[in-house]
């Protein structure tokens, strides 16, 4: 059994999963920083901030996965995402 003994900053977790945690100049940043468009996928409203910190001059397509079917959630998703997929958890 292995145990975690240490970790490196920054820690990416559900509350900061956006490009502000990617170090500029890192191999990932270098490989992706010139891309102009973003496809953002999320299953909650907090995911709408994933593109935060990313400088781009193109289009962001926001796709939401709505796993509940109540009218309030549906309206909220439709107002915030460009495309909403409903009850897609079994696919």
PDB file of N, CA and C in Angstrom:
ATOM      1  N   UNK A   1       0.833  -1.174   0.000  1.00  0.00           N
ATOM      2  CA  UNK A   1       0.000   0.000   0.000  1.00  0.00           C
ATOM      3  C   UNK A   1       0.885   1.247   0.000  1.00  0.00           C
ATOM      4  N   UNK A   2       0.566   2.179  -0.859  1.00  0.00           N
ATOM      5  CA  UNK A   2       1.327   3.426  -0.916  1.00  0.00           C
ATOM      6  C   UNK A   2       0.577   4.534  -0.199  1.00  0.00           C
ATOM      7  N   UNK A   3       1.331   5.405   0.426  1.00  0.00           N
ATOM      8  CA  UNK A   3       0.748   6.545   1.118  1.00  0.00           C
ATOM      9  C   UNK A   3       1.360   7.818   0.564  1.00  0.00           C
ATOM     10  N   UNK A   4       0.566   8.859   0.511  1.00  0.00           N
ATOM     11  CA  UNK A   4       1.059  10.148   0.059  1.00  0.00           C
ATOM     12  C   UNK A   4       1.966  10.713   1.138  1.00  0.00           C
ATOM     13  N   UNK A   5       3.164  11.118   0.740  1.00  0.00           N
ATOM     14  CA  UNK A   5       4.100  11.674   1.712  1.00  0.00           C
ATOM     15  C   UNK A   5       4.276  13.179   1.548  1.00  0.00           C
ATOM     16  N   UNK A   6       3.987  13.679   0.356  1.00  0.00           N
ATOM     17  CA  UNK A   6       4.077  15.112   0.111  1.00  0.00           C
ATOM     18  C   UNK A   6       3.371  15.442  -1.205  1.00  0.00           C
ATOM     19  N   UNK A   7       3.221  16.701  -1.468  1.00  0.00           N
ATOM     20  CA  UNK A   7       2.614  17.149  -2.715  1.00  0.00           C
ATOM     21  C   UNK A   7       3.198  18.498  -3.080  1.00  0.00           C
ATOM     22  N   UNK A   8       2.989  18.883  -4.327  1.00  0.00           N
ATOM     23  CA  UNK A   8       3.481  20.173  -4.803  1.00  0.00           C
ATOM     24  C   UNK A   8       2.324  21.125  -5.039  1.00  0.00           C
ATOM     25  N   UNK A   9       2.544  22.348  -4.761  1.00  0.00           N
ATOM     26  CA  UNK A   9       1.579  23.404  -5.083  1.00  0.00           C
ATOM     27  C   UNK A   9       1.685  23.705  -6.567  1.00  0.00           C
ATOM     28  N   UNK A  10       0.670  24.127  -7.233  1.00  0.00           N
ATOM     29  CA  UNK A  10      -0.665  24.309  -6.693  1.00  0.00           C
ATOM     30  C   UNK A  10      -1.462  23.009  -6.731  1.00  0.00           C
ATOM     31  N   UNK A  11      -2.347  22.849  -5.798  1.00  0.00           N
ATOM     32  CA  UNK A  11      -3.230  21.698  -5.768  1.00  0.00           C
ATOM     33  C   UNK A  11      -4.458  22.063  -6.587  1.00  0.00           C
ATOM     34  N   UNK A  12      -4.809  21.215  -7.541  1.00  0.00           N
ATOM     35  CA  UNK A  12      -6.000  21.452  -8.352  1.00  0.00           C
ATOM     36  C   UNK A  12      -7.137  20.646  -7.748  1.00  0.00           C
ATOM     37  N   UNK A  13      -8.216  21.337  -7.412  1.00  0.00           N
ATOM     38  CA  UNK A  13      -9.368  20.686  -6.809  1.00  0.00           C
ATOM     39  C   UNK A  13     -10.646  21.318  -7.355  1.00  0.00           C
ATOM     40  N   UNK A  14     -11.777  20.873  -6.881  1.00  0.00           N
ATOM     41  CA  UNK A  14     -13.067  21.287  -7.431  1.00  0.00           C
ATOM     42  C   UNK A  14     -13.297  22.799  -7.343  1.00  0.00           C
ATOM     43  N   UNK A  15     -12.683  23.492  -6.392  1.00  0.00           N
ATOM     44  CA  UNK A  15     -12.924  24.920  -6.232  1.00  0.00           C
ATOM     45  C   UNK A  15     -11.930  25.813  -6.971  1.00  0.00           C
ATOM     46  N   UNK A  16     -10.899  25.247  -7.569  1.00  0.00           N
ATOM     47  CA  UNK A  16      -9.952  26.088  -8.301  1.00  0.00           C
ATOM     48  C   UNK A  16      -9.556  25.477  -9.645  1.00  0.00           C
ATOM     49  N   UNK A  17     -10.391  24.632 -10.202  1.00  0.00           N
ATOM     50  CA  UNK A  17     -10.022  23.969 -11.453  1.00  0.00           C
ATOM     51  C   UNK A  17     -10.197  24.932 -12.623  1.00  0.00           C
ATOM     52  N   UNK A  18      -9.201  25.798 -12.758  1.00  0.00           N
ATOM     53  CA  UNK A  18      -9.163  26.732 -13.871  1.00  0.00           C
ATOM     54  C   UNK A  18      -7.709  26.990 -14.234  1.00  0.00           C
ATOM     55  N   UNK A  19      -7.489  27.781 -15.237  1.00  0.00           N
ATOM     56  CA  UNK A  19      -6.126  27.948 -15.742  1.00  0.00           C
ATOM     57  C   UNK A  19      -5.229  28.799 -14.848  1.00  0.00           C
ATOM     58  N   UNK A  20      -5.766  29.372 -13.789  1.00  0.00           N
ATOM     59  CA  UNK A  20      -4.904  30.151 -12.897  1.00  0.00           C
ATOM     60  C   UNK A  20      -3.925  29.281 -12.136  1.00  0.00           C
ATOM     61  N   UNK A  21      -4.166  27.966 -12.065  1.00  0.00           N
ATOM     62  CA  UNK A  21      -3.259  27.063 -11.349  1.00  0.00           C
ATOM     63  C   UNK A  21      -2.175  26.480 -12.252  1.00  0.00           C
ATOM     64  N   UNK A  22      -2.231  26.784 -13.543  1.00  0.00           N
ATOM     65  CA  UNK A  22      -1.211  26.294 -14.473  1.00  0.00           C
ATOM     66  C   UNK A  22      -0.104  27.340 -14.567  1.00  0.00           C
ATOM     67  N   UNK A  23       1.096  26.931 -14.267  1.00  0.00           N
ATOM     68  CA  UNK A  23       2.214  27.869 -14.271  1.00  0.00           C
ATOM     69  C   UNK A  23       2.578  28.268 -15.696  1.00  0.00           C
ATOM     70  N   UNK A  24       2.651  29.577 -15.925  1.00  0.00           N
ATOM     71  CA  UNK A  24       3.072  30.056 -17.241  1.00  0.00           C
ATOM     72  C   UNK A  24       4.511  29.632 -17.465  1.00  0.00           C
ATOM     73  N   UNK A  25       4.780  29.135 -18.652  1.00  0.00           N
ATOM     74  CA  UNK A  25       6.104  28.632 -18.976  1.00  0.00           C
ATOM     75  C   UNK A  25       6.246  27.135 -18.773  1.00  0.00           C
ATOM     76  N   UNK A  26       5.251  26.506 -18.131  1.00  0.00           N
ATOM     77  CA  UNK A  26       5.295  25.052 -17.953  1.00  0.00           C
ATOM     78  C   UNK A  26       5.072  24.377 -19.303  1.00  0.00           C
ATOM     79  N   UNK A  27       5.443  23.116 -19.443  1.00  0.00           N
ATOM     80  CA  UNK A  27       5.228  22.434 -20.722  1.00  0.00           C
ATOM     81  C   UNK A  27       3.758  22.447 -21.165  1.00  0.00           C
ATOM     82  N   UNK A  28       2.828  22.260 -20.228  1.00  0.00           N
ATOM     83  CA  UNK A  28       1.412  22.284 -20.597  1.00  0.00           C
ATOM     84  C   UNK A  28       1.012  23.662 -21.116  1.00  0.00           C
ATOM     85  N   UNK A  29       1.422  24.713 -20.398  1.00  0.00           N
ATOM     86  CA  UNK A  29       1.087  26.089 -20.802  1.00  0.00           C
ATOM     87  C   UNK A  29       1.665  26.389 -22.185  1.00  0.00           C
ATOM     88  N   UNK A  30       2.905  26.015 -22.392  1.00  0.00           N
ATOM     89  CA  UNK A  30       3.562  26.274 -23.664  1.00  0.00           C
ATOM     90  C   UNK A  30       2.846  25.566 -24.812  1.00  0.00           C
ATOM     91  N   UNK A  31       2.411  24.341 -24.579  1.00  0.00           N
ATOM     92  CA  UNK A  31       1.748  23.560 -25.628  1.00  0.00           C
ATOM     93  C   UNK A  31       0.343  24.055 -25.942  1.00  0.00           C
ATOM     94  N   UNK A  32      -0.332  24.725 -24.992  1.00  0.00           N
ATOM     95  CA  UNK A  32      -1.735  25.067 -25.181  1.00  0.00           C
ATOM     96  C   UNK A  32      -2.051  26.556 -25.158  1.00  0.00           C
ATOM     97  N   UNK A  33      -1.124  27.398 -24.808  1.00  0.00           N
ATOM     98  CA  UNK A  33      -1.437  28.814 -24.612  1.00  0.00           C
ATOM     99  C   UNK A  33      -1.784  29.568 -25.893  1.00  0.00           C
ATOM    100  N   UNK A  34      -1.416  29.041 -27.028  1.00  0.00           N
ATOM    101  CA  UNK A  34      -1.700  29.727 -28.289  1.00  0.00           C
ATOM    102  C   UNK A  34      -3.060  29.365 -28.886  1.00  0.00           C
ATOM    103  N   UNK A  35      -3.759  28.441 -28.284  1.00  0.00           N
ATOM    104  CA  UNK A  35      -5.067  28.044 -28.810  1.00  0.00           C
ATOM    105  C   UNK A  35      -6.057  29.188 -28.656  1.00  0.00           C
ATOM    106  N   UNK A  36      -6.897  29.364 -29.657  1.00  0.00           N
ATOM    107  CA  UNK A  36      -7.804  30.513 -29.673  1.00  0.00           C
ATOM    108  C   UNK A  36      -9.192  30.202 -29.120  1.00  0.00           C
ATOM    109  N   UNK A  37      -9.683  28.975 -29.266  1.00  0.00           N
ATOM    110  CA  UNK A  37     -11.041  28.621 -28.865  1.00  0.00           C
ATOM    111  C   UNK A  37     -11.033  27.656 -27.691  1.00  0.00           C
ATOM    112  N   UNK A  38     -12.125  27.672 -26.924  1.00  0.00           N
ATOM    113  CA  UNK A  38     -12.242  26.817 -25.743  1.00  0.00           C
ATOM    114  C   UNK A  38     -13.575  26.086 -25.803  1.00  0.00           C
ATOM    115  N   UNK A  39     -13.557  24.777 -25.504  1.00  0.00           N
ATOM    116  CA  UNK A  39     -14.774  24.008 -25.304  1.00  0.00           C
ATOM    117  C   UNK A  39     -14.828  23.667 -23.824  1.00  0.00           C
ATOM    118  N   UNK A  40     -15.780  24.254 -23.126  1.00  0.00           N
ATOM    119  CA  UNK A  40     -15.911  24.098 -21.691  1.00  0.00           C
ATOM    120  C   UNK A  40     -17.024  23.100 -21.412  1.00  0.00           C
ATOM    121  N   UNK A  41     -16.726  22.047 -20.657  1.00  0.00           N
ATOM    122  CA  UNK A  41     -17.696  21.014 -20.312  1.00  0.00           C
ATOM    123  C   UNK A  41     -17.879  21.011 -18.806  1.00  0.00           C
ATOM    124  N   UNK A  42     -19.134  20.981 -18.350  1.00  0.00           N
ATOM    125  CA  UNK A  42     -19.349  20.966 -16.918  1.00  0.00           C
ATOM    126  C   UNK A  42     -20.694  20.410 -16.531  1.00  0.00           C
ATOM    127  N   UNK A  43     -20.779  19.954 -15.271  1.00  0.00           N
ATOM    128  CA  UNK A  43     -22.052  19.440 -14.781  1.00  0.00           C
ATOM    129  C   UNK A  43     -22.579  20.236 -13.595  1.00  0.00           C
ATOM    130  N   UNK A  44     -21.979  21.403 -13.337  1.00  0.00           N
ATOM    131  CA  UNK A  44     -22.524  22.316 -12.334  1.00  0.00           C
ATOM    132  C   UNK A  44     -22.107  23.737 -12.681  1.00  0.00           C
ATOM    133  N   UNK A  45     -22.763  24.702 -12.072  1.00  0.00           N
ATOM    134  CA  UNK A  45     -22.515  26.105 -12.416  1.00  0.00           C
ATOM    135  C   UNK A  45     -21.107  26.556 -12.058  1.00  0.00           C
ATOM    136  N   UNK A  46     -20.487  25.910 -11.079  1.00  0.00           N
ATOM    137  CA  UNK A  46     -19.114  26.248 -10.717  1.00  0.00           C
ATOM    138  C   UNK A  46     -18.130  25.986 -11.839  1.00  0.00           C
ATOM    139  N   UNK A  47     -18.471  25.083 -12.741  1.00  0.00           N
ATOM    140  CA  UNK A  47     -17.593  24.768 -13.868  1.00  0.00           C
ATOM    141  C   UNK A  47     -17.524  25.895 -14.892  1.00  0.00           C
ATOM    142  N   UNK A  48     -18.425  26.863 -14.809  1.00  0.00           N
ATOM    143  CA  UNK A  48     -18.410  27.986 -15.753  1.00  0.00           C
ATOM    144  C   UNK A  48     -17.158  28.845 -15.594  1.00  0.00           C
ATOM    145  N   UNK A  49     -16.445  28.701 -14.483  1.00  0.00           N
ATOM    146  CA  UNK A  49     -15.236  29.499 -14.231  1.00  0.00           C
ATOM    147  C   UNK A  49     -13.955  28.801 -14.657  1.00  0.00           C
ATOM    148  N   UNK A  50     -14.065  27.640 -15.286  1.00  0.00           N
ATOM    149  CA  UNK A  50     -12.877  26.882 -15.665  1.00  0.00           C
ATOM    150  C   UNK A  50     -11.962  27.684 -16.581  1.00  0.00           C
ATOM    151  N   UNK A  51     -12.517  28.500 -17.439  1.00  0.00           N
ATOM    152  CA  UNK A  51     -11.685  29.261 -18.370  1.00  0.00           C
ATOM    153  C   UNK A  51     -11.050  30.503 -17.741  1.00  0.00           C
ATOM    154  N   UNK A  52     -11.332  30.770 -16.492  1.00  0.00           N
ATOM    155  CA  UNK A  52     -10.767  31.922 -15.807  1.00  0.00           C
ATOM    156  C   UNK A  52      -9.239  31.882 -15.866  1.00  0.00           C
ATOM    157  N   UNK A  53      -8.642  32.994 -16.245  1.00  0.00           N
ATOM    158  CA  UNK A  53      -7.189  33.076 -16.333  1.00  0.00           C
ATOM    159  C   UNK A  53      -6.645  32.758 -17.712  1.00  0.00           C
ATOM    160  N   UNK A  54      -7.472  32.220 -18.580  1.00  0.00           N
ATOM    161  CA  UNK A  54      -7.039  31.885 -19.942  1.00  0.00           C
ATOM    162  C   UNK A  54      -7.300  33.067 -20.859  1.00  0.00           C
ATOM    163  N   UNK A  55      -6.248  33.589 -21.419  1.00  0.00           N
ATOM    164  CA  UNK A  55      -6.386  34.674 -22.379  1.00  0.00           C
ATOM    165  C   UNK A  55      -6.543  34.061 -23.760  1.00  0.00           C
ATOM    166  N   UNK A  56      -7.664  34.348 -24.383  1.00  0.00           N
ATOM    167  CA  UNK A  56      -7.884  33.826 -25.725  1.00  0.00           C
ATOM    168  C   UNK A  56      -8.739  34.818 -26.499  1.00  0.00           C
ATOM    169  N   UNK A  57      -8.605  34.779 -27.796  1.00  0.00           N
ATOM    170  CA  UNK A  57      -9.319  35.730 -28.634  1.00  0.00           C
ATOM    171  C   UNK A  57     -10.429  35.066 -29.432  1.00  0.00           C
ATOM    172  N   UNK A  58     -10.684  33.813 -29.161  1.00  0.00           N
ATOM    173  CA  UNK A  58     -11.660  33.062 -29.941  1.00  0.00           C
ATOM    174  C   UNK A  58     -12.991  32.922 -29.238  1.00  0.00           C
ATOM    175  N   UNK A  59     -13.616  31.812 -29.486  1.00  0.00           N
ATOM    176  CA  UNK A  59     -14.957  31.524 -29.003  1.00  0.00           C
ATOM    177  C   UNK A  59     -14.877  30.497 -27.880  1.00  0.00           C
ATOM    178  N   UNK A  60     -15.746  30.636 -26.881  1.00  0.00           N
ATOM    179  CA  UNK A  60     -15.900  29.622 -25.845  1.00  0.00           C
ATOM    180  C   UNK A  60     -17.269  28.990 -26.020  1.00  0.00           C
ATOM    181  N   UNK A  61     -17.294  27.680 -26.243  1.00  0.00           N
ATOM    182  CA  UNK A  61     -18.530  26.914 -26.323  1.00  0.00           C
ATOM    183  C   UNK A  61     -18.714  26.222 -24.981  1.00  0.00           C
ATOM    184  N   UNK A  62     -19.800  26.561 -24.269  1.00  0.00           N
ATOM    185  CA  UNK A  62     -20.059  26.016 -22.936  1.00  0.00           C
ATOM    186  C   UNK A  62     -21.149  24.955 -23.029  1.00  0.00           C
ATOM    187  N   UNK A  63     -20.777  23.703 -22.688  1.00  0.00           N
ATOM    188  CA  UNK A  63     -21.697  22.578 -22.740  1.00  0.00           C
ATOM    189  C   UNK A  63     -21.946  22.096 -21.320  1.00  0.00           C
ATOM    190  N   UNK A  64     -23.224  22.055 -20.929  1.00  0.00           N
ATOM    191  CA  UNK A  64     -23.594  21.624 -19.587  1.00  0.00           C
ATOM    192  C   UNK A  64     -24.266  20.273 -19.594  1.00  0.00           C
ATOM    193  N   UNK A  65     -23.915  19.439 -18.629  1.00  0.00           N
ATOM    194  CA  UNK A  65     -24.531  18.131 -18.449  1.00  0.00           C
ATOM    195  C   UNK A  65     -25.472  18.237 -17.250  1.00  0.00           C
ATOM    196  N   UNK A  66     -26.767  18.247 -17.516  1.00  0.00           N
ATOM    197  CA  UNK A  66     -27.770  18.386 -16.463  1.00  0.00           C
ATOM    198  C   UNK A  66     -28.296  17.005 -16.109  1.00  0.00           C
ATOM    199  N   UNK A  67     -27.971  16.531 -14.920  1.00  0.00           N
ATOM    200  CA  UNK A  67     -28.338  15.176 -14.512  1.00  0.00           C
ATOM    201  C   UNK A  67     -29.607  15.125 -13.673  1.00  0.00           C
ATOM    202  N   UNK A  68     -30.259  16.266 -13.493  1.00  0.00           N
ATOM    203  CA  UNK A  68     -31.562  16.311 -12.829  1.00  0.00           C
ATOM    204  C   UNK A  68     -32.544  16.937 -13.798  1.00  0.00           C
ATOM    205  N   UNK A  69     -33.816  16.720 -13.571  1.00  0.00           N
ATOM    206  CA  UNK A  69     -34.776  17.216 -14.559  1.00  0.00           C
ATOM    207  C   UNK A  69     -35.753  18.240 -14.001  1.00  0.00           C
ATOM    208  N   UNK A  70     -35.426  18.875 -12.884  1.00  0.00           N
ATOM    209  CA  UNK A  70     -36.356  19.879 -12.369  1.00  0.00           C
ATOM    210  C   UNK A  70     -36.260  21.158 -13.200  1.00  0.00           C
ATOM    211  N   UNK A  71     -37.346  21.888 -13.254  1.00  0.00           N
ATOM    212  CA  UNK A  71     -37.459  23.048 -14.130  1.00  0.00           C
ATOM    213  C   UNK A  71     -36.510  24.191 -13.752  1.00  0.00           C
ATOM    214  N   UNK A  72     -36.289  24.401 -12.468  1.00  0.00           N
ATOM    215  CA  UNK A  72     -35.395  25.483 -12.032  1.00  0.00           C
ATOM    216  C   UNK A  72     -33.973  25.219 -12.490  1.00  0.00           C
ATOM    217  N   UNK A  73     -33.482  24.003 -12.290  1.00  0.00           N
ATOM    218  CA  UNK A  73     -32.124  23.664 -12.738  1.00  0.00           C
ATOM    219  C   UNK A  73     -32.007  23.762 -14.247  1.00  0.00           C
ATOM    220  N   UNK A  74     -33.024  23.284 -14.950  1.00  0.00           N
ATOM    221  CA  UNK A  74     -32.996  23.332 -16.415  1.00  0.00           C
ATOM    222  C   UNK A  74     -32.918  24.768 -16.904  1.00  0.00           C
ATOM    223  N   UNK A  75     -33.715  25.650 -16.341  1.00  0.00           N
ATOM    224  CA  UNK A  75     -33.707  27.055 -16.771  1.00  0.00           C
ATOM    225  C   UNK A  75     -32.361  27.709 -16.453  1.00  0.00           C
ATOM    226  N   UNK A  76     -31.820  27.415 -15.280  1.00  0.00           N
ATOM    227  CA  UNK A  76     -30.529  27.984 -14.887  1.00  0.00           C
ATOM    228  C   UNK A  76     -29.431  27.520 -15.836  1.00  0.00           C
ATOM    229  N   UNK A  77     -29.410  26.245 -16.153  1.00  0.00           N
ATOM    230  CA  UNK A  77     -28.412  25.721 -17.084  1.00  0.00           C
ATOM    231  C   UNK A  77     -28.587  26.336 -18.465  1.00  0.00           C
ATOM    232  N   UNK A  78     -29.824  26.416 -18.936  1.00  0.00           N
ATOM    233  CA  UNK A  78     -30.070  26.989 -20.267  1.00  0.00           C
ATOM    234  C   UNK A  78     -29.654  28.454 -20.337  1.00  0.00           C
ATOM    235  N   UNK A  79     -29.738  29.171 -19.224  1.00  0.00           N
ATOM    236  CA  UNK A  79     -29.327  30.576 -19.196  1.00  0.00           C
ATOM    237  C   UNK A  79     -27.817  30.752 -19.124  1.00  0.00           C
ATOM    238  N   UNK A  80     -27.089  29.711 -18.730  1.00  0.00           N
ATOM    239  CA  UNK A  80     -25.646  29.848 -18.522  1.00  0.00           C
ATOM    240  C   UNK A  80     -24.775  29.052 -19.482  1.00  0.00           C
ATOM    241  N   UNK A  81     -25.300  27.966 -20.018  1.00  0.00           N
ATOM    242  CA  UNK A  81     -24.547  27.146 -20.960  1.00  0.00           C
ATOM    243  C   UNK A  81     -25.106  27.345 -22.366  1.00  0.00           C
ATOM    244  N   UNK A  82     -24.263  27.183 -23.374  1.00  0.00           N
ATOM    245  CA  UNK A  82     -24.708  27.303 -24.760  1.00  0.00           C
ATOM    246  C   UNK A  82     -25.494  26.080 -25.206  1.00  0.00           C
ATOM    247  N   UNK A  83     -25.141  24.927 -24.679  1.00  0.00           N
ATOM    248  CA  UNK A  83     -25.781  23.659 -25.028  1.00  0.00           C
ATOM    249  C   UNK A  83     -25.946  22.872 -23.741  1.00  0.00           C
ATOM    250  N   UNK A  84     -27.140  22.285 -23.537  1.00  0.00           N
ATOM    251  CA  UNK A  84     -27.395  21.517 -22.319  1.00  0.00           C
ATOM    252  C   UNK A  84     -27.831  20.108 -22.708  1.00  0.00           C
ATOM    253  N   UNK A  85     -27.121  19.113 -22.188  1.00  0.00           N
ATOM    254  CA  UNK A  85     -27.475  17.705 -22.372  1.00  0.00           C
ATOM    255  C   UNK A  85     -28.170  17.244 -21.092  1.00  0.00           C
ATOM    256  N   UNK A  86     -29.362  16.694 -21.233  1.00  0.00           N
ATOM    257  CA  UNK A  86     -30.186  16.356 -20.075  1.00  0.00           C
ATOM    258  C   UNK A  86     -30.167  14.855 -19.821  1.00  0.00           C
ATOM    259  N   UNK A  87     -30.024  14.499 -18.528  1.00  0.00           N
ATOM    260  CA  UNK A  87     -30.067  13.118 -18.072  1.00  0.00           C
ATOM    261  C   UNK A  87     -29.197  12.199 -18.901  1.00  0.00           C
ATOM    262  N   UNK A  88     -27.942  12.575 -19.064  1.00  0.00           N
ATOM    263  CA  UNK A  88     -27.009  11.839 -19.905  1.00  0.00           C
ATOM    264  C   UNK A  88     -26.074  10.955 -19.084  1.00  0.00           C
ATOM    265  N   UNK A  89     -26.383  10.715 -17.807  1.00  0.00           N
ATOM    266  CA  UNK A  89     -25.435  10.004 -16.946  1.00  0.00           C
ATOM    267  C   UNK A  89     -25.284   8.527 -17.268  1.00  0.00           C
ATOM    268  N   UNK A  90     -26.184   7.935 -18.021  1.00  0.00           N
ATOM    269  CA  UNK A  90     -26.103   6.502 -18.326  1.00  0.00           C
ATOM    270  C   UNK A  90     -25.385   6.200 -19.624  1.00  0.00           C
ATOM    271  N   UNK A  91     -24.917   7.207 -20.306  1.00  0.00           N
ATOM    272  CA  UNK A  91     -24.284   6.986 -21.615  1.00  0.00           C
ATOM    273  C   UNK A  91     -22.808   6.773 -21.433  1.00  0.00           C
TER     274      UNK A  91
END
